[in-house]
Amino acid sequence: MDPLLDEIERFLALTKMKPTRFSLDAVGDAHFVRHLRIGRQYYPRTALKARQYMREYAEQARAGQAGGHGVPVSAAA
């Protein structure tokens, strides 16, 4: 599995966030996760955006400000 997709799949499982919500919020493309799952390539800049979104989401969860998806504070890092 692609390392980025693996990270995203873990994030989605931990946060119970829908793939479309993640895709829109993280990179502005509603189909991003679906396309990754079928092997689509991505730009390094897009991977950075996705990873930054996950990192910031985890930081907000620690501060009690996450978007209501119930991120376990220790798990989303």
Protein backbone atom coordinates (compact mmCIF):
# COMPACT_ATOMS: atom_id res chain seq x y z
CA MET A 1 0.00 0.00 0.00
CA ASP A 2 1.11 3.55 -0.64
CA PRO A 3 2.54 5.12 2.54
CA LEU A 4 0.31 8.20 2.23
CA LEU A 5 -2.80 6.12 1.69
CA ASP A 6 -1.86 3.97 4.68
CA GLU A 7 -1.56 7.09 6.87
CA ILE A 8 -4.89 8.41 5.62
CA GLU A 9 -6.66 5.09 6.15
CA ARG A 10 -5.40 4.98 9.76
CA PHE A 11 -6.47 8.58 10.29
CA LEU A 12 -9.95 7.88 8.89
CA ALA A 13 -10.34 4.81 11.08
CA LEU A 14 -9.26 6.68 14.21
CA THR A 15 -11.35 9.77 13.58
CA LYS A 16 -14.33 8.03 11.98
CA MET A 17 -14.18 10.78 9.37
CA LYS A 18 -15.70 10.06 5.97
CA PRO A 19 -13.21 9.87 3.07
CA THR A 20 -15.04 12.59 1.15
CA ARG A 21 -14.93 15.00 4.13
CA PHE A 22 -11.21 14.35 4.55
CA SER A 23 -10.59 14.79 0.83
CA LEU A 24 -12.42 18.12 0.68
CA ASP A 25 -10.97 19.53 3.89
CA ALA A 26 -7.41 18.36 3.32
CA VAL A 27 -6.82 18.93 -0.39
CA GLY A 28 -10.00 20.42 -1.84
CA ASP A 29 -10.78 17.40 -4.05
CA ALA A 30 -13.79 15.34 -2.96
CA HIS A 31 -12.46 12.27 -4.78
CA PHE A 32 -8.87 12.33 -3.50
CA VAL A 33 -9.07 9.28 -1.21
CA ARG A 34 -11.12 7.30 -3.71
CA HIS A 35 -8.55 8.01 -6.40
CA LEU A 36 -5.67 7.03 -4.11
CA ARG A 37 -7.42 3.74 -3.39
CA ILE A 38 -7.42 2.89 -7.09
CA GLY A 39 -3.76 3.80 -7.51
CA ARG A 40 -3.84 7.40 -8.66
CA GLN A 41 -0.54 9.25 -8.40
CA TYR A 42 -0.30 12.54 -6.54
CA TYR A 43 2.03 15.51 -6.39
CA PRO A 44 4.40 15.84 -3.43
CA ARG A 45 2.69 19.15 -2.62
CA THR A 46 -0.66 17.33 -2.31
CA ALA A 47 0.85 14.77 0.07
CA LEU A 48 2.21 17.63 2.18
CA LYS A 49 -1.25 19.21 2.35
CA ALA A 50 -2.86 15.93 3.43
CA ARG A 51 -0.22 15.28 6.08
CA GLN A 52 -0.42 18.86 7.34
CA TYR A 53 -4.20 18.53 7.66
CA MET A 54 -3.86 15.33 9.71
CA ARG A 55 -1.19 16.92 11.91
CA GLU A 56 -3.25 20.07 12.51
CA TYR A 57 -6.36 18.01 13.19
CA ALA A 58 -4.46 16.05 15.84
CA GLU A 59 -3.18 19.28 17.41
CA GLN A 60 -6.73 20.65 17.53
CA ALA A 61 -7.96 17.40 19.07
CA ARG A 62 -5.37 17.73 21.82
CA ALA A 63 -6.59 21.27 22.44
CA GLY A 64 -10.21 20.11 22.44
CA GLN A 65 -11.05 21.93 19.21
CA ALA A 66 -11.33 19.07 16.68
CA GLY A 67 -14.17 19.08 14.20
CA GLY A 68 -16.47 16.83 16.19
CA HIS A 69 -15.20 13.53 14.83
CA GLY A 70 -14.01 12.23 18.19
CA VAL A 71 -10.30 11.90 17.57
CA PRO A 72 -8.56 10.06 20.36
CA VAL A 73 -5.93 12.60 21.40
CA SER A 74 -3.10 10.08 21.57
CA ALA A 75 -4.05 8.26 18.38
CA ALA A 76 -4.17 11.00 15.77
CA ALA A 77 -0.57 12.15 16.07
